[in-house]
């Protein structure tokens, strides 16, 4: 089945970025995790099966990690 990529910007509570990044990596739900500067601490690249509900994925698989303050999901479309 085709996979659909999307990105999640993660804002962590102060001092929690490495803990959150490690927890996401250990859960094996992301293909890539990057530290970022600015309003968000992490950029997480995720693939789901085409047709899967991205909102449910983020709510059930990402928001559960302790140390997350806020997220912003970026849904992708056709690659050029």
PDB file of N, CA and C in Angstrom:
ATOM      1  N   UNK A   1       0.854  -1.183   0.000  1.00  0.00           N
ATOM      2  CA  UNK A   1       0.000   0.000   0.000  1.00  0.00           C
ATOM      3  C   UNK A   1       0.901   1.249   0.000  1.00  0.00           C
ATOM      4  N   UNK A   2       0.551   2.276  -0.752  1.00  0.00           N
ATOM      5  CA  UNK A   2       1.366   3.500  -0.794  1.00  0.00           C
ATOM      6  C   UNK A   2       1.407   4.189   0.573  1.00  0.00           C
ATOM      7  N   UNK A   3       2.542   4.809   0.850  1.00  0.00           N
ATOM      8  CA  UNK A   3       2.730   5.515   2.111  1.00  0.00           C
ATOM      9  C   UNK A   3       2.658   7.021   1.874  1.00  0.00           C
ATOM     10  N   UNK A   4       2.101   7.734   2.842  1.00  0.00           N
ATOM     11  CA  UNK A   4       1.947   9.179   2.748  1.00  0.00           C
ATOM     12  C   UNK A   4       2.805   9.840   3.827  1.00  0.00           C
ATOM     13  N   UNK A   5       3.735  10.752   3.433  1.00  0.00           N
ATOM     14  CA  UNK A   5       4.556  11.433   4.437  1.00  0.00           C
ATOM     15  C   UNK A   5       3.863  12.684   4.975  1.00  0.00           C
ATOM     16  N   UNK A   6       4.172  13.006   6.223  1.00  0.00           N
ATOM     17  CA  UNK A   6       3.786  14.293   6.799  1.00  0.00           C
ATOM     18  C   UNK A   6       4.795  14.638   7.884  1.00  0.00           C
ATOM     19  N   UNK A   7       4.740  15.877   8.331  1.00  0.00           N
ATOM     20  CA  UNK A   7       5.706  16.368   9.312  1.00  0.00           C
ATOM     21  C   UNK A   7       4.979  16.868  10.550  1.00  0.00           C
ATOM     22  N   UNK A   8       5.626  16.715  11.691  1.00  0.00           N
ATOM     23  CA  UNK A   8       5.081  17.223  12.945  1.00  0.00           C
ATOM     24  C   UNK A   8       6.147  18.109  13.588  1.00  0.00           C
ATOM     25  N   UNK A   9       5.801  19.361  13.818  1.00  0.00           N
ATOM     26  CA  UNK A   9       6.652  20.253  14.596  1.00  0.00           C
ATOM     27  C   UNK A   9       6.266  20.072  16.055  1.00  0.00           C
ATOM     28  N   UNK A  10       7.252  19.865  16.914  1.00  0.00           N
ATOM     29  CA  UNK A  10       6.996  19.575  18.320  1.00  0.00           C
ATOM     30  C   UNK A  10       7.648  20.644  19.196  1.00  0.00           C
ATOM     31  N   UNK A  11       6.833  21.261  20.040  1.00  0.00           N
ATOM     32  CA  UNK A  11       7.340  22.198  21.047  1.00  0.00           C
ATOM     33  C   UNK A  11       7.358  21.442  22.371  1.00  0.00           C
ATOM     34  N   UNK A  12       8.522  21.426  23.004  1.00  0.00           N
ATOM     35  CA  UNK A  12       8.685  20.683  24.251  1.00  0.00           C
ATOM     36  C   UNK A  12       8.723  21.634  25.440  1.00  0.00           C
ATOM     37  N   UNK A  13       8.409  21.104  26.607  1.00  0.00           N
ATOM     38  CA  UNK A  13       8.611  21.877  27.827  1.00  0.00           C
ATOM     39  C   UNK A  13      10.114  22.102  27.984  1.00  0.00           C
ATOM     40  N   UNK A  14      10.493  23.177  28.654  1.00  0.00           N
ATOM     41  CA  UNK A  14      11.903  23.504  28.813  1.00  0.00           C
ATOM     42  C   UNK A  14      12.700  22.315  29.342  1.00  0.00           C
ATOM     43  N   UNK A  15      13.806  22.037  28.672  1.00  0.00           N
ATOM     44  CA  UNK A  15      14.707  20.971  29.091  1.00  0.00           C
ATOM     45  C   UNK A  15      14.258  19.565  28.735  1.00  0.00           C
ATOM     46  N   UNK A  16      13.204  19.428  27.949  1.00  0.00           N
ATOM     47  CA  UNK A  16      12.653  18.102  27.650  1.00  0.00           C
ATOM     48  C   UNK A  16      12.859  17.635  26.206  1.00  0.00           C
ATOM     49  N   UNK A  17      13.495  18.443  25.364  1.00  0.00           N
ATOM     50  CA  UNK A  17      13.595  18.112  23.935  1.00  0.00           C
ATOM     51  C   UNK A  17      14.322  16.790  23.688  1.00  0.00           C
ATOM     52  N   UNK A  18      15.440  16.556  24.366  1.00  0.00           N
ATOM     53  CA  UNK A  18      16.185  15.319  24.133  1.00  0.00           C
ATOM     54  C   UNK A  18      15.405  14.112  24.633  1.00  0.00           C
ATOM     55  N   UNK A  19      14.726  14.267  25.753  1.00  0.00           N
ATOM     56  CA  UNK A  19      13.905  13.184  26.303  1.00  0.00           C
ATOM     57  C   UNK A  19      12.770  12.833  25.341  1.00  0.00           C
ATOM     58  N   UNK A  20      12.099  13.858  24.814  1.00  0.00           N
ATOM     59  CA  UNK A  20      10.998  13.633  23.875  1.00  0.00           C
ATOM     60  C   UNK A  20      11.513  13.001  22.590  1.00  0.00           C
ATOM     61  N   UNK A  21      12.599  13.511  22.044  1.00  0.00           N
ATOM     62  CA  UNK A  21      13.168  12.962  20.809  1.00  0.00           C
ATOM     63  C   UNK A  21      13.556  11.500  20.993  1.00  0.00           C
ATOM     64  N   UNK A  22      14.157  11.173  22.124  1.00  0.00           N
ATOM     65  CA  UNK A  22      14.547   9.782  22.401  1.00  0.00           C
ATOM     66  C   UNK A  22      13.321   8.879  22.501  1.00  0.00           C
ATOM     67  N   UNK A  23      12.276   9.365  23.145  1.00  0.00           N
ATOM     68  CA  UNK A  23      11.054   8.569  23.295  1.00  0.00           C
ATOM     69  C   UNK A  23      10.398   8.308  21.943  1.00  0.00           C
ATOM     70  N   UNK A  24      10.367   9.320  21.089  1.00  0.00           N
ATOM     71  CA  UNK A  24       9.790   9.141  19.751  1.00  0.00           C
ATOM     72  C   UNK A  24      10.628   8.154  18.946  1.00  0.00           C
ATOM     73  N   UNK A  25      11.951   8.276  19.044  1.00  0.00           N
ATOM     74  CA  UNK A  25      12.839   7.360  18.320  1.00  0.00           C
ATOM     75  C   UNK A  25      12.659   5.922  18.807  1.00  0.00           C
ATOM     76  N   UNK A  26      12.568   5.735  20.103  1.00  0.00           N
ATOM     77  CA  UNK A  26      12.403   4.393  20.673  1.00  0.00           C
ATOM     78  C   UNK A  26      11.064   3.777  20.276  1.00  0.00           C
ATOM     79  N   UNK A  27      10.047   4.600  20.090  1.00  0.00           N
ATOM     80  CA  UNK A  27       8.726   4.097  19.699  1.00  0.00           C
ATOM     81  C   UNK A  27       8.682   3.664  18.235  1.00  0.00           C
ATOM     82  N   UNK A  28       9.694   4.051  17.466  1.00  0.00           N
ATOM     83  CA  UNK A  28       9.810   3.691  16.054  1.00  0.00           C
ATOM     84  C   UNK A  28       8.578   4.085  15.239  1.00  0.00           C
ATOM     85  N   UNK A  29       8.090   5.305  15.479  1.00  0.00           N
ATOM     86  CA  UNK A  29       6.936   5.806  14.720  1.00  0.00           C
ATOM     87  C   UNK A  29       7.350   6.840  13.682  1.00  0.00           C
ATOM     88  N   UNK A  30       8.607   7.271  13.713  1.00  0.00           N
ATOM     89  CA  UNK A  30       9.081   8.327  12.811  1.00  0.00           C
ATOM     90  C   UNK A  30      10.212   7.805  11.941  1.00  0.00           C
ATOM     91  N   UNK A  31      10.278   8.325  10.724  1.00  0.00           N
ATOM     92  CA  UNK A  31      11.394   7.950   9.850  1.00  0.00           C
ATOM     93  C   UNK A  31      12.610   8.833  10.110  1.00  0.00           C
ATOM     94  N   UNK A  32      12.367  10.096  10.524  1.00  0.00           N
ATOM     95  CA  UNK A  32      13.454  11.030  10.816  1.00  0.00           C
ATOM     96  C   UNK A  32      13.022  11.989  11.914  1.00  0.00           C
ATOM     97  N   UNK A  33      13.989  12.393  12.752  1.00  0.00           N
ATOM     98  CA  UNK A  33      13.735  13.369  13.815  1.00  0.00           C
ATOM     99  C   UNK A  33      14.894  14.356  13.806  1.00  0.00           C
ATOM    100  N   UNK A  34      14.573  15.646  13.770  1.00  0.00           N
ATOM    101  CA  UNK A  34      15.590  16.694  13.741  1.00  0.00           C
ATOM    102  C   UNK A  34      15.357  17.680  14.872  1.00  0.00           C
ATOM    103  N   UNK A  35      16.431  18.195  15.456  1.00  0.00           N
ATOM    104  CA  UNK A  35      16.350  19.344  16.357  1.00  0.00           C
ATOM    105  C   UNK A  35      16.233  20.591  15.494  1.00  0.00           C
ATOM    106  N   UNK A  36      15.462  21.556  15.946  1.00  0.00           N
ATOM    107  CA  UNK A  36      15.298  22.791  15.195  1.00  0.00           C
ATOM    108  C   UNK A  36      15.461  23.990  16.119  1.00  0.00           C
ATOM    109  N   UNK A  37      15.712  25.124  15.522  1.00  0.00           N
ATOM    110  CA  UNK A  37      15.783  26.381  16.270  1.00  0.00           C
ATOM    111  C   UNK A  37      14.526  27.178  15.941  1.00  0.00           C
ATOM    112  N   UNK A  38      14.059  27.957  16.895  1.00  0.00           N
ATOM    113  CA  UNK A  38      12.881  28.778  16.640  1.00  0.00           C
ATOM    114  C   UNK A  38      11.747  28.418  17.560  1.00  0.00           C
ATOM    115  N   UNK A  39      10.537  28.510  17.048  1.00  0.00           N
ATOM    116  CA  UNK A  39       9.342  28.298  17.860  1.00  0.00           C
ATOM    117  C   UNK A  39       9.136  26.846  18.278  1.00  0.00           C
ATOM    118  N   UNK A  40       9.679  25.899  17.527  1.00  0.00           N
ATOM    119  CA  UNK A  40       9.523  24.482  17.829  1.00  0.00           C
ATOM    120  C   UNK A  40      10.894  23.857  18.054  1.00  0.00           C
ATOM    121  N   UNK A  41      10.923  22.780  18.812  1.00  0.00           N
ATOM    122  CA  UNK A  41      12.183  22.132  19.182  1.00  0.00           C
ATOM    123  C   UNK A  41      12.560  20.969  18.280  1.00  0.00           C
ATOM    124  N   UNK A  42      11.550  20.287  17.738  1.00  0.00           N
ATOM    125  CA  UNK A  42      11.796  19.089  16.930  1.00  0.00           C
ATOM    126  C   UNK A  42      10.969  19.127  15.652  1.00  0.00           C
ATOM    127  N   UNK A  43      11.519  18.536  14.607  1.00  0.00           N
ATOM    128  CA  UNK A  43      10.803  18.303  13.360  1.00  0.00           C
ATOM    129  C   UNK A  43      10.811  16.796  13.143  1.00  0.00           C
ATOM    130  N   UNK A  44       9.631  16.206  13.087  1.00  0.00           N
ATOM    131  CA  UNK A  44       9.498  14.760  12.992  1.00  0.00           C
ATOM    132  C   UNK A  44       8.845  14.413  11.660  1.00  0.00           C
ATOM    133  N   UNK A  45       9.503  13.555  10.878  1.00  0.00           N
ATOM    134  CA  UNK A  45       8.938  13.098   9.605  1.00  0.00           C
ATOM    135  C   UNK A  45       8.338  11.715   9.821  1.00  0.00           C
ATOM    136  N   UNK A  46       7.083  11.578   9.403  1.00  0.00           N
ATOM    137  CA  UNK A  46       6.337  10.348   9.632  1.00  0.00           C
ATOM    138  C   UNK A  46       5.705   9.892   8.322  1.00  0.00           C
ATOM    139  N   UNK A  47       5.601   8.582   8.154  1.00  0.00           N
ATOM    140  CA  UNK A  47       4.866   7.996   7.033  1.00  0.00           C
ATOM    141  C   UNK A  47       3.715   7.166   7.588  1.00  0.00           C
ATOM    142  N   UNK A  48       2.552   7.313   6.992  1.00  0.00           N
ATOM    143  CA  UNK A  48       1.411   6.453   7.305  1.00  0.00           C
ATOM    144  C   UNK A  48       0.891   5.882   5.995  1.00  0.00           C
ATOM    145  N   UNK A  49       0.145   4.807   6.103  1.00  0.00           N
ATOM    146  CA  UNK A  49      -0.458   4.241   4.906  1.00  0.00           C
ATOM    147  C   UNK A  49      -1.472   5.223   4.335  1.00  0.00           C
ATOM    148  N   UNK A  50      -1.501   5.314   3.021  1.00  0.00           N
ATOM    149  CA  UNK A  50      -2.445   6.204   2.355  1.00  0.00           C
ATOM    150  C   UNK A  50      -3.857   5.835   2.811  1.00  0.00           C
ATOM    151  N   UNK A  51      -4.601   6.809   3.270  1.00  0.00           N
ATOM    152  CA  UNK A  51      -5.946   6.567   3.762  1.00  0.00           C
ATOM    153  C   UNK A  51      -6.037   6.515   5.278  1.00  0.00           C
ATOM    154  N   UNK A  52      -4.891   6.339   5.982  1.00  0.00           N
ATOM    155  CA  UNK A  52      -4.909   6.374   7.447  1.00  0.00           C
ATOM    156  C   UNK A  52      -5.230   7.780   7.927  1.00  0.00           C
ATOM    157  N   UNK A  53      -5.859   7.884   9.061  1.00  0.00           N
ATOM    158  CA  UNK A  53      -6.246   9.170   9.629  1.00  0.00           C
ATOM    159  C   UNK A  53      -5.054   9.796  10.352  1.00  0.00           C
ATOM    160  N   UNK A  54      -4.517  10.876   9.803  1.00  0.00           N
ATOM    161  CA  UNK A  54      -3.347  11.538  10.369  1.00  0.00           C
ATOM    162  C   UNK A  54      -3.664  12.130  11.736  1.00  0.00           C
ATOM    163  N   UNK A  55      -4.855  12.700  11.888  1.00  0.00           N
ATOM    164  CA  UNK A  55      -5.245  13.271  13.173  1.00  0.00           C
ATOM    165  C   UNK A  55      -5.239  12.245  14.286  1.00  0.00           C
ATOM    166  N   UNK A  56      -5.781  11.075  14.016  1.00  0.00           N
ATOM    167  CA  UNK A  56      -5.773  10.010  15.018  1.00  0.00           C
ATOM    168  C   UNK A  56      -4.351   9.562  15.311  1.00  0.00           C
ATOM    169  N   UNK A  57      -3.527   9.454  14.278  1.00  0.00           N
ATOM    170  CA  UNK A  57      -2.135   9.047  14.471  1.00  0.00           C
ATOM    171  C   UNK A  57      -1.428  10.007  15.423  1.00  0.00           C
ATOM    172  N   UNK A  58      -1.524  11.308  15.146  1.00  0.00           N
ATOM    173  CA  UNK A  58      -0.849  12.305  15.978  1.00  0.00           C
ATOM    174  C   UNK A  58      -1.403  12.264  17.399  1.00  0.00           C
ATOM    175  N   UNK A  59      -2.705  12.212  17.533  1.00  0.00           N
ATOM    176  CA  UNK A  59      -3.332  12.204  18.848  1.00  0.00           C
ATOM    177  C   UNK A  59      -2.948  10.970  19.668  1.00  0.00           C
ATOM    178  N   UNK A  60      -2.943   9.810  19.036  1.00  0.00           N
ATOM    179  CA  UNK A  60      -2.717   8.564  19.757  1.00  0.00           C
ATOM    180  C   UNK A  60      -1.253   8.156  19.867  1.00  0.00           C
ATOM    181  N   UNK A  61      -0.430   8.517  18.878  1.00  0.00           N
ATOM    182  CA  UNK A  61       0.953   8.039  18.857  1.00  0.00           C
ATOM    183  C   UNK A  61       1.989   9.097  19.227  1.00  0.00           C
ATOM    184  N   UNK A  62       1.613  10.383  19.165  1.00  0.00           N
ATOM    185  CA  UNK A  62       2.590  11.442  19.444  1.00  0.00           C
ATOM    186  C   UNK A  62       2.251  12.205  20.724  1.00  0.00           C
ATOM    187  N   UNK A  63       1.018  12.608  20.867  1.00  0.00           N
ATOM    188  CA  UNK A  63       0.642  13.423  22.030  1.00  0.00           C
ATOM    189  C   UNK A  63       0.807  12.693  23.358  1.00  0.00           C
ATOM    190  N   UNK A  64       1.005  11.403  23.334  1.00  0.00           N
ATOM    191  CA  UNK A  64       1.135  10.615  24.555  1.00  0.00           C
ATOM    192  C   UNK A  64       2.493  10.782  25.236  1.00  0.00           C
ATOM    193  N   UNK A  65       3.478  11.365  24.561  1.00  0.00           N
ATOM    194  CA  UNK A  65       4.819  11.470  25.150  1.00  0.00           C
ATOM    195  C   UNK A  65       4.890  12.608  26.159  1.00  0.00           C
ATOM    196  N   UNK A  66       5.378  12.279  27.329  1.00  0.00           N
ATOM    197  CA  UNK A  66       5.562  13.285  28.378  1.00  0.00           C
ATOM    198  C   UNK A  66       6.624  14.287  27.941  1.00  0.00           C
ATOM    199  N   UNK A  67       6.383  15.552  28.187  1.00  0.00           N
ATOM    200  CA  UNK A  67       7.336  16.595  27.837  1.00  0.00           C
ATOM    201  C   UNK A  67       6.930  17.413  26.622  1.00  0.00           C
ATOM    202  N   UNK A  68       5.883  16.982  25.913  1.00  0.00           N
ATOM    203  CA  UNK A  68       5.404  17.739  24.756  1.00  0.00           C
ATOM    204  C   UNK A  68       4.446  18.820  25.232  1.00  0.00           C
ATOM    205  N   UNK A  69       4.713  20.037  24.787  1.00  0.00           N
ATOM    206  CA  UNK A  69       3.858  21.180  25.120  1.00  0.00           C
ATOM    207  C   UNK A  69       2.845  21.462  24.020  1.00  0.00           C
ATOM    208  N   UNK A  70       3.279  21.333  22.750  1.00  0.00           N
ATOM    209  CA  UNK A  70       2.425  21.693  21.623  1.00  0.00           C
ATOM    210  C   UNK A  70       2.950  21.009  20.375  1.00  0.00           C
ATOM    211  N   UNK A  71       2.080  20.807  19.389  1.00  0.00           N
ATOM    212  CA  UNK A  71       2.506  20.280  18.099  1.00  0.00           C
ATOM    213  C   UNK A  71       1.814  21.046  16.978  1.00  0.00           C
ATOM    214  N   UNK A  72       2.413  20.970  15.813  1.00  0.00           N
ATOM    215  CA  UNK A  72       1.820  21.527  14.593  1.00  0.00           C
ATOM    216  C   UNK A  72       2.073  20.505  13.489  1.00  0.00           C
ATOM    217  N   UNK A  73       1.016  20.049  12.870  1.00  0.00           N
ATOM    218  CA  UNK A  73       1.133  19.018  11.837  1.00  0.00           C
ATOM    219  C   UNK A  73       1.106  19.663  10.463  1.00  0.00           C
ATOM    220  N   UNK A  74       2.049  19.250   9.634  1.00  0.00           N
ATOM    221  CA  UNK A  74       2.130  19.739   8.258  1.00  0.00           C
ATOM    222  C   UNK A  74       1.849  18.559   7.342  1.00  0.00           C
ATOM    223  N   UNK A  75       0.714  18.612   6.675  1.00  0.00           N
ATOM    224  CA  UNK A  75       0.323  17.545   5.763  1.00  0.00           C
ATOM    225  C   UNK A  75       0.920  17.841   4.386  1.00  0.00           C
ATOM    226  N   UNK A  76       1.482  16.822   3.776  1.00  0.00           N
ATOM    227  CA  UNK A  76       2.138  17.002   2.487  1.00  0.00           C
ATOM    228  C   UNK A  76       1.243  16.521   1.350  1.00  0.00           C
ATOM    229  N   UNK A  77       1.544  17.039   0.180  1.00  0.00           N
ATOM    230  CA  UNK A  77       0.827  16.667  -1.022  1.00  0.00           C
ATOM    231  C   UNK A  77       1.826  16.089  -2.010  1.00  0.00           C
ATOM    232  N   UNK A  78       1.522  16.076  -3.249  1.00  0.00           N
ATOM    233  CA  UNK A  78       2.367  15.503  -4.289  1.00  0.00           C
ATOM    234  C   UNK A  78       3.781  16.092  -4.270  1.00  0.00           C
ATOM    235  N   UNK A  79       4.771  15.208  -4.356  1.00  0.00           N
ATOM    236  CA  UNK A  79       6.166  15.645  -4.449  1.00  0.00           C
ATOM    237  C   UNK A  79       6.476  16.030  -5.907  1.00  0.00           C
ATOM    238  N   UNK A  80       7.358  17.012  -6.064  1.00  0.00           N
ATOM    239  CA  UNK A  80       7.710  17.469  -7.413  1.00  0.00           C
ATOM    240  C   UNK A  80       9.105  17.049  -7.767  1.00  0.00           C
TER     241      UNK A  80
END
